[in-house]
Amino acid sequence: MDEVVFRSPRRKGRIAVFLSGRGSNFTAIREAVERGAIDGEIALVLSNKADAPGLLKAREWGLETVFLDPKLFASREDYDRAGVGEVEKRRVDLIVLAGYMRVLTPGLCDAFKYRIVNIHPALLPSFPGLHVQQKAIDWGVRFSGCTVHFVAAEVDMGPIILQAAVPVRPDDTEDTLAARILVEEHKIYPEAVRLYFEGRIEVRGRRVFILEPGA
């Protein structure tokens, strides 16, 4: 059996959400926090877009927000160092990427190893990157879906936490397939965050195991 390299903490956690757009997965996670399904609180919502709808919603809900303007930083590394500072200032336990349209630098990934999660609208490791619903259609796969995974420096290649499969229909377009996948995203992303703060996620090698309650 592979050596255990990480086990998630069992405690009420502090969450930072990074987003660039509407933040529908952010909304799903916030709703799970509000109804007590996730033992945590959203300590920060950070965006690289001043007018991101998700950032505006977070302000309406009274959450703490930060807009970091990429134009004010000389490099991606400088930008991510500023992000690390904002997160550390608020004692964040887990960074949740919710439609954050920036590739994280290795420095940020290393600083928060096994403490950053993302959701991808395909069944990784198939179809990393962008426009993956169209790629699934073009390749003629019978099933697509979504993947919650830990974030590593290599894009969309971190250890897989949860997945949900969605049939690809013969008449699907990129938009229709994306819409059905999004329904599943809103289920498994909050579930993964819930499991994280229940101390039930364990990484052995590059595989993730979901532990039984109380294990």
C-alpha atoms as a PDB file:
ATOM      1  CA  MET A   1       0.000   0.000   0.000  1.00  0.00           C
ATOM      2  CA  ASP A   2       1.269   3.478  -0.833  1.00  0.00           C
ATOM      3  CA  GLU A   3       2.410   5.701   2.006  1.00  0.00           C
ATOM      4  CA  VAL A   4      -0.099   8.210   3.356  1.00  0.00           C
ATOM      5  CA  VAL A   5       1.151  11.640   2.286  1.00  0.00           C
ATOM      6  CA  PHE A   6      -1.814  13.715   3.470  1.00  0.00           C
ATOM      7  CA  ARG A   7      -4.989  13.488   5.518  1.00  0.00           C
ATOM      8  CA  SER A   8      -7.446  16.357   5.632  1.00  0.00           C
ATOM      9  CA  PRO A   9      -8.106  18.050   8.990  1.00  0.00           C
ATOM     10  CA  ARG A  10     -11.185  17.331  11.058  1.00  0.00           C
ATOM     11  CA  ARG A  11     -12.307  20.764  12.211  1.00  0.00           C
ATOM     12  CA  LYS A  12     -14.396  23.750  11.294  1.00  0.00           C
ATOM     13  CA  GLY A  13     -12.473  25.206   8.397  1.00  0.00           C
ATOM     14  CA  ARG A  14     -11.888  28.619   6.901  1.00  0.00           C
ATOM     15  CA  ILE A  15     -12.413  28.735   3.134  1.00  0.00           C
ATOM     16  CA  ALA A  16     -11.105  31.153   0.507  1.00  0.00           C
ATOM     17  CA  VAL A  17     -12.916  31.136  -2.841  1.00  0.00           C
ATOM     18  CA  PHE A  18     -11.021  32.300  -5.932  1.00  0.00           C
ATOM     19  CA  LEU A  19     -13.225  33.178  -8.906  1.00  0.00           C
ATOM     20  CA  SER A  20     -13.236  35.134 -12.160  1.00  0.00           C
ATOM     21  CA  GLY A  21     -16.868  34.951 -13.272  1.00  0.00           C
ATOM     22  CA  ARG A  22     -20.376  34.199 -12.068  1.00  0.00           C
ATOM     23  CA  GLY A  23     -19.247  31.756  -9.408  1.00  0.00           C
ATOM     24  CA  SER A  24     -22.101  29.262  -9.597  1.00  0.00           C
ATOM     25  CA  ASN A  25     -20.013  26.658  -7.760  1.00  0.00           C
ATOM     26  CA  PHE A  26     -19.189  29.308  -5.156  1.00  0.00           C
ATOM     27  CA  THR A  27     -22.935  29.781  -4.669  1.00  0.00           C
ATOM     28  CA  ALA A  28     -23.439  26.017  -4.264  1.00  0.00           C
ATOM     29  CA  ILE A  29     -20.682  25.843  -1.660  1.00  0.00           C
ATOM     30  CA  ARG A  30     -21.990  28.893   0.204  1.00  0.00           C
ATOM     31  CA  GLU A  31     -25.465  27.371   0.344  1.00  0.00           C
ATOM     32  CA  ALA A  32     -23.983  24.160   1.775  1.00  0.00           C
ATOM     33  CA  VAL A  33     -22.146  26.209   4.417  1.00  0.00           C
ATOM     34  CA  GLU A  34     -25.317  28.157   5.267  1.00  0.00           C
ATOM     35  CA  ARG A  35     -27.397  25.016   5.820  1.00  0.00           C
ATOM     36  CA  GLY A  36     -24.668  23.380   7.913  1.00  0.00           C
ATOM     37  CA  ALA A  37     -23.713  20.669   5.431  1.00  0.00           C
ATOM     38  CA  ILE A  38     -20.119  21.953   5.415  1.00  0.00           C
ATOM     39  CA  ASP A  39     -18.439  22.505   8.778  1.00  0.00           C
ATOM     40  CA  GLY A  40     -16.749  25.718   7.707  1.00  0.00           C
ATOM     41  CA  GLU A  41     -17.037  29.393   6.914  1.00  0.00           C
ATOM     42  CA  ILE A  42     -16.133  31.441   3.851  1.00  0.00           C
ATOM     43  CA  ALA A  43     -13.392  33.768   5.086  1.00  0.00           C
ATOM     44  CA  LEU A  44     -12.501  35.368   1.742  1.00  0.00           C
ATOM     45  CA  VAL A  45     -13.691  35.685  -1.850  1.00  0.00           C
ATOM     46  CA  LEU A  46     -10.850  36.804  -4.133  1.00  0.00           C
ATOM     47  CA  SER A  47     -11.059  37.704  -7.813  1.00  0.00           C
ATOM     48  CA  ASN A  48      -8.820  38.920 -10.618  1.00  0.00           C
ATOM     49  CA  LYS A  49     -11.867  40.660 -12.178  1.00  0.00           C
ATOM     50  CA  ALA A  50     -13.305  43.760 -10.525  1.00  0.00           C
ATOM     51  CA  ASP A  51     -16.716  43.188 -12.087  1.00  0.00           C
ATOM     52  CA  ALA A  52     -16.931  39.424 -11.601  1.00  0.00           C
ATOM     53  CA  PRO A  53     -20.587  38.636 -10.786  1.00  0.00           C
ATOM     54  CA  GLY A  54     -19.452  36.192  -8.103  1.00  0.00           C
ATOM     55  CA  LEU A  55     -17.443  38.924  -6.370  1.00  0.00           C
ATOM     56  CA  LEU A  56     -20.412  41.286  -6.444  1.00  0.00           C
ATOM     57  CA  LYS A  57     -22.684  38.582  -5.005  1.00  0.00           C
ATOM     58  CA  ALA A  58     -20.195  37.930  -2.214  1.00  0.00           C
ATOM     59  CA  ARG A  59     -20.312  41.613  -1.258  1.00  0.00           C
ATOM     60  CA  GLU A  60     -24.112  41.563  -1.246  1.00  0.00           C
ATOM     61  CA  TRP A  61     -23.965  38.591   1.123  1.00  0.00           C
ATOM     62  CA  GLY A  62     -21.618  40.447   3.470  1.00  0.00           C
ATOM     63  CA  LEU A  63     -18.582  38.258   2.825  1.00  0.00           C
ATOM     64  CA  GLU A  64     -15.060  39.628   2.874  1.00  0.00           C
ATOM     65  CA  THR A  65     -13.818  40.258  -0.678  1.00  0.00           C
ATOM     66  CA  VAL A  66     -10.562  41.227  -2.372  1.00  0.00           C
ATOM     67  CA  PHE A  67      -9.982  42.311  -5.957  1.00  0.00           C
ATOM     68  CA  LEU A  68      -6.362  41.854  -7.027  1.00  0.00           C
ATOM     69  CA  ASP A  69      -5.679  43.685 -10.273  1.00  0.00           C
ATOM     70  CA  PRO A  70      -3.182  41.691 -12.384  1.00  0.00           C
ATOM     71  CA  LYS A  71      -2.098  44.918 -14.123  1.00  0.00           C
ATOM     72  CA  LEU A  72      -0.514  46.130 -10.890  1.00  0.00           C
ATOM     73  CA  PHE A  73       1.947  43.230 -10.691  1.00  0.00           C
ATOM     74  CA  ALA A  74       5.116  42.714 -12.711  1.00  0.00           C
ATOM     75  CA  SER A  75       4.763  38.934 -12.948  1.00  0.00           C
ATOM     76  CA  ARG A  76       2.442  36.023 -12.267  1.00  0.00           C
ATOM     77  CA  GLU A  77       4.684  35.106  -9.353  1.00  0.00           C
ATOM     78  CA  ASP A  78       4.283  38.550  -7.778  1.00  0.00           C
ATOM     79  CA  TYR A  79       0.524  38.333  -8.257  1.00  0.00           C
ATOM     80  CA  ASP A  80       0.283  34.932  -6.603  1.00  0.00           C
ATOM     81  CA  ARG A  81       2.514  36.048  -3.724  1.00  0.00           C
ATOM     82  CA  ALA A  82      -0.002  38.807  -3.057  1.00  0.00           C
ATOM     83  CA  GLY A  83      -2.777  36.202  -3.131  1.00  0.00           C
ATOM     84  CA  VAL A  84      -0.884  34.047  -0.642  1.00  0.00           C
ATOM     85  CA  GLY A  85      -0.600  37.077   1.638  1.00  0.00           C
ATOM     86  CA  GLU A  86      -4.355  37.711   1.530  1.00  0.00           C
ATOM     87  CA  VAL A  87      -5.072  34.061   2.305  1.00  0.00           C
ATOM     88  CA  GLU A  88      -2.542  33.768   5.130  1.00  0.00           C
ATOM     89  CA  LYS A  89      -3.794  37.015   6.686  1.00  0.00           C
ATOM     90  CA  ARG A  90      -7.172  35.331   7.157  1.00  0.00           C
ATOM     91  CA  ARG A  91      -5.818  31.970   8.402  1.00  0.00           C
ATOM     92  CA  VAL A  92      -7.459  30.084   5.543  1.00  0.00           C
ATOM     93  CA  ASP A  93      -7.455  26.285   5.628  1.00  0.00           C
ATOM     94  CA  LEU A  94      -8.650  25.536   2.088  1.00  0.00           C
ATOM     95  CA  ILE A  95      -8.615  27.471  -1.195  1.00  0.00           C
ATOM     96  CA  VAL A  96     -11.518  26.604  -3.493  1.00  0.00           C
ATOM     97  CA  LEU A  97     -11.146  27.556  -7.165  1.00  0.00           C
ATOM     98  CA  ALA A  98     -14.572  28.323  -8.628  1.00  0.00           C
ATOM     99  CA  GLY A  99     -14.127  29.385 -12.231  1.00  0.00           C
ATOM    100  CA  TYR A 100     -10.792  31.095 -11.511  1.00  0.00           C
ATOM    101  CA  MET A 101      -9.335  31.764 -14.947  1.00  0.00           C
ATOM    102  CA  ARG A 102      -5.680  32.008 -14.012  1.00  0.00           C
ATOM    103  CA  VAL A 103      -3.096  29.238 -14.015  1.00  0.00           C
ATOM    104  CA  LEU A 104      -1.567  29.088 -10.547  1.00  0.00           C
ATOM    105  CA  THR A 105       2.186  29.407 -10.247  1.00  0.00           C
ATOM    106  CA  PRO A 106       4.225  26.568  -8.715  1.00  0.00           C
ATOM    107  CA  GLY A 107       4.975  28.837  -5.746  1.00  0.00           C
ATOM    108  CA  LEU A 108       1.283  29.129  -4.831  1.00  0.00           C
ATOM    109  CA  CYS A 109       0.674  25.419  -5.434  1.00  0.00           C
ATOM    110  CA  ASP A 110       3.611  24.476  -3.192  1.00  0.00           C
ATOM    111  CA  ALA A 111       2.647  26.938  -0.453  1.00  0.00           C
ATOM    112  CA  PHE A 112      -0.804  25.331  -0.166  1.00  0.00           C
ATOM    113  CA  LYS A 113      -0.135  21.736  -1.201  1.00  0.00           C
ATOM    114  CA  TYR A 114      -3.268  19.620  -0.614  1.00  0.00           C
ATOM    115  CA  ARG A 115      -5.027  22.818   0.471  1.00  0.00           C
ATOM    116  CA  ILE A 116      -6.254  23.956  -2.969  1.00  0.00           C
ATOM    117  CA  VAL A 117      -9.095  22.228  -4.807  1.00  0.00           C
ATOM    118  CA  ASN A 118     -10.626  22.775  -8.221  1.00  0.00           C
ATOM    119  CA  ILE A 119     -13.490  21.420 -10.271  1.00  0.00           C
ATOM    120  CA  HIS A 120     -13.032  20.553 -13.939  1.00  0.00           C
ATOM    121  CA  PRO A 121     -15.916  19.848 -16.369  1.00  0.00           C
ATOM    122  CA  ALA A 122     -14.543  16.550 -17.695  1.00  0.00           C
ATOM    123  CA  LEU A 123     -13.520  13.155 -16.367  1.00  0.00           C
ATOM    124  CA  LEU A 124      -9.830  13.740 -15.742  1.00  0.00           C
ATOM    125  CA  PRO A 125      -7.245  12.781 -16.801  1.00  0.00           C
ATOM    126  CA  SER A 126      -9.183  12.958 -20.097  1.00  0.00           C
ATOM    127  CA  PHE A 127      -9.603  16.422 -21.634  1.00  0.00           C
ATOM    128  CA  PRO A 128      -7.657  18.829 -19.445  1.00  0.00           C
ATOM    129  CA  GLY A 129      -7.622  22.513 -20.358  1.00  0.00           C
ATOM    130  CA  LEU A 130     -10.377  24.558 -21.970  1.00  0.00           C
ATOM    131  CA  HIS A 131     -13.460  23.870 -24.157  1.00  0.00           C
ATOM    132  CA  VAL A 132     -13.542  20.325 -22.833  1.00  0.00           C
ATOM    133  CA  GLN A 133     -17.242  19.725 -23.472  1.00  0.00           C
ATOM    134  CA  GLN A 134     -16.698  20.322 -27.186  1.00  0.00           C
ATOM    135  CA  LYS A 135     -13.661  18.051 -27.089  1.00  0.00           C
ATOM    136  CA  ALA A 136     -15.771  15.284 -25.540  1.00  0.00           C
ATOM    137  CA  ILE A 137     -18.333  15.660 -28.333  1.00  0.00           C
ATOM    138  CA  ASP A 138     -15.661  15.791 -31.040  1.00  0.00           C
ATOM    139  CA  TRP A 139     -14.010  12.628 -29.763  1.00  0.00           C
ATOM    140  CA  GLY A 140     -17.319  10.794 -29.593  1.00  0.00           C
ATOM    141  CA  VAL A 141     -17.011   9.683 -25.983  1.00  0.00           C
ATOM    142  CA  ARG A 142     -20.160   8.149 -24.511  1.00  0.00           C
ATOM    143  CA  PHE A 143     -19.671   9.682 -21.069  1.00  0.00           C
ATOM    144  CA  SER A 144     -18.258  12.945 -19.833  1.00  0.00           C
ATOM    145  CA  GLY A 145     -18.712  14.558 -16.430  1.00  0.00           C
ATOM    146  CA  CYS A 146     -16.786  16.516 -13.832  1.00  0.00           C
ATOM    147  CA  THR A 147     -13.874  16.039 -11.464  1.00  0.00           C
ATOM    148  CA  VAL A 148     -12.964  17.613  -8.129  1.00  0.00           C
ATOM    149  CA  HIS A 149      -9.220  17.400  -7.666  1.00  0.00           C
ATOM    150  CA  PHE A 150      -6.347  18.787  -5.659  1.00  0.00           C
ATOM    151  CA  VAL A 151      -4.430  21.463  -7.544  1.00  0.00           C
ATOM    152  CA  ALA A 152      -0.839  20.835  -8.577  1.00  0.00           C
ATOM    153  CA  ALA A 153       1.580  22.863 -10.681  1.00  0.00           C
ATOM    154  CA  GLU A 154       0.713  20.742 -13.733  1.00  0.00           C
ATOM    155  CA  VAL A 155      -2.693  22.013 -14.905  1.00  0.00           C
ATOM    156  CA  ASP A 156      -5.646  19.684 -14.165  1.00  0.00           C
ATOM    157  CA  MET A 157      -3.358  16.872 -13.041  1.00  0.00           C
ATOM    158  CA  GLY A 158      -3.659  16.864  -9.246  1.00  0.00           C
ATOM    159  CA  PRO A 159      -5.023  13.844  -7.313  1.00  0.00           C
ATOM    160  CA  ILE A 160      -8.694  13.146  -8.031  1.00  0.00           C
ATOM    161  CA  ILE A 161     -11.095  13.485  -5.080  1.00  0.00           C
ATOM    162  CA  LEU A 162     -14.586  12.948  -6.577  1.00  0.00           C
ATOM    163  CA  GLN A 163     -16.083  12.470 -10.039  1.00  0.00           C
ATOM    164  CA  ALA A 164     -19.569  12.363 -11.531  1.00  0.00           C
ATOM    165  CA  ALA A 165     -20.394  10.920 -14.950  1.00  0.00           C
ATOM    166  CA  VAL A 166     -22.845  12.404 -17.443  1.00  0.00           C
ATOM    167  CA  PRO A 167     -23.964  10.602 -20.654  1.00  0.00           C
ATOM    168  CA  VAL A 168     -23.116  12.390 -23.889  1.00  0.00           C
ATOM    169  CA  ARG A 169     -26.170  12.445 -26.142  1.00  0.00           C
ATOM    170  CA  PRO A 170     -25.939  12.207 -29.939  1.00  0.00           C
ATOM    171  CA  ASP A 171     -27.563  15.641 -30.343  1.00  0.00           C
ATOM    172  CA  ASP A 172     -25.521  17.388 -27.641  1.00  0.00           C
ATOM    173  CA  THR A 173     -23.914  20.754 -28.233  1.00  0.00           C
ATOM    174  CA  GLU A 174     -21.155  22.236 -26.122  1.00  0.00           C
ATOM    175  CA  ASP A 175     -23.761  24.289 -24.256  1.00  0.00           C
ATOM    176  CA  THR A 176     -26.267  21.511 -23.581  1.00  0.00           C
ATOM    177  CA  LEU A 177     -23.576  19.153 -22.338  1.00  0.00           C
ATOM    178  CA  ALA A 178     -22.027  21.885 -20.186  1.00  0.00           C
ATOM    179  CA  ALA A 179     -25.405  22.629 -18.603  1.00  0.00           C
ATOM    180  CA  ARG A 180     -25.960  18.990 -17.569  1.00  0.00           C
ATOM    181  CA  ILE A 181     -22.427  18.688 -16.248  1.00  0.00           C
ATOM    182  CA  LEU A 182     -22.888  21.871 -14.201  1.00  0.00           C
ATOM    183  CA  VAL A 183     -25.789  20.275 -12.329  1.00  0.00           C
ATOM    184  CA  GLU A 184     -23.404  17.537 -11.160  1.00  0.00           C
ATOM    185  CA  GLU A 185     -20.662  20.042 -10.342  1.00  0.00           C
ATOM    186  CA  HIS A 186     -22.994  21.728  -7.874  1.00  0.00           C
ATOM    187  CA  LYS A 187     -23.455  18.367  -6.121  1.00  0.00           C
ATOM    188  CA  ILE A 188     -19.924  17.003  -5.903  1.00  0.00           C
ATOM    189  CA  TYR A 189     -17.992  20.204  -5.178  1.00  0.00           C
ATOM    190  CA  PRO A 190     -19.758  20.952  -1.874  1.00  0.00           C
ATOM    191  CA  GLU A 191     -19.545  17.236  -1.062  1.00  0.00           C
ATOM    192  CA  ALA A 192     -15.768  17.256  -1.522  1.00  0.00           C
ATOM    193  CA  VAL A 193     -15.401  20.302   0.739  1.00  0.00           C
ATOM    194  CA  ARG A 194     -17.638  18.631   3.334  1.00  0.00           C
ATOM    195  CA  LEU A 195     -15.470  15.492   3.303  1.00  0.00           C
ATOM    196  CA  TYR A 196     -12.314  17.596   3.555  1.00  0.00           C
ATOM    197  CA  PHE A 197     -13.354  19.183   6.845  1.00  0.00           C
ATOM    198  CA  GLU A 198     -14.686  15.906   8.199  1.00  0.00           C
ATOM    199  CA  GLY A 199     -11.106  14.609   8.015  1.00  0.00           C
ATOM    200  CA  ARG A 200     -12.131  11.896   5.569  1.00  0.00           C
ATOM    201  CA  ILE A 201      -9.843  12.616   2.606  1.00  0.00           C
ATOM    202  CA  GLU A 202      -6.562  10.731   2.570  1.00  0.00           C
ATOM    203  CA  VAL A 203      -3.915  10.831  -0.166  1.00  0.00           C
ATOM    204  CA  ARG A 204      -1.760   7.752  -0.692  1.00  0.00           C
ATOM    205  CA  GLY A 205       0.751   8.153  -3.476  1.00  0.00           C
ATOM    206  CA  ARG A 206      -1.323  10.064  -6.015  1.00  0.00           C
ATOM    207  CA  ARG A 207      -4.608   8.308  -5.173  1.00  0.00           C
ATOM    208  CA  VAL A 208      -7.300   9.771  -2.930  1.00  0.00           C
ATOM    209  CA  PHE A 209      -9.239   7.541  -0.546  1.00  0.00           C
ATOM    210  CA  ILE A 210     -12.492   8.577   1.128  1.00  0.00           C
ATOM    211  CA  LEU A 211     -12.474   7.288   4.693  1.00  0.00           C
ATOM    212  CA  GLU A 212     -15.474   6.040   6.621  1.00  0.00           C
ATOM    213  CA  PRO A 213     -16.913   8.417   9.234  1.00  0.00           C
ATOM    214  CA  GLY A 214     -14.926   8.189  12.455  1.00  0.00           C
ATOM    215  CA  ALA A 215     -12.038   6.294  10.839  1.00  0.00           C
END
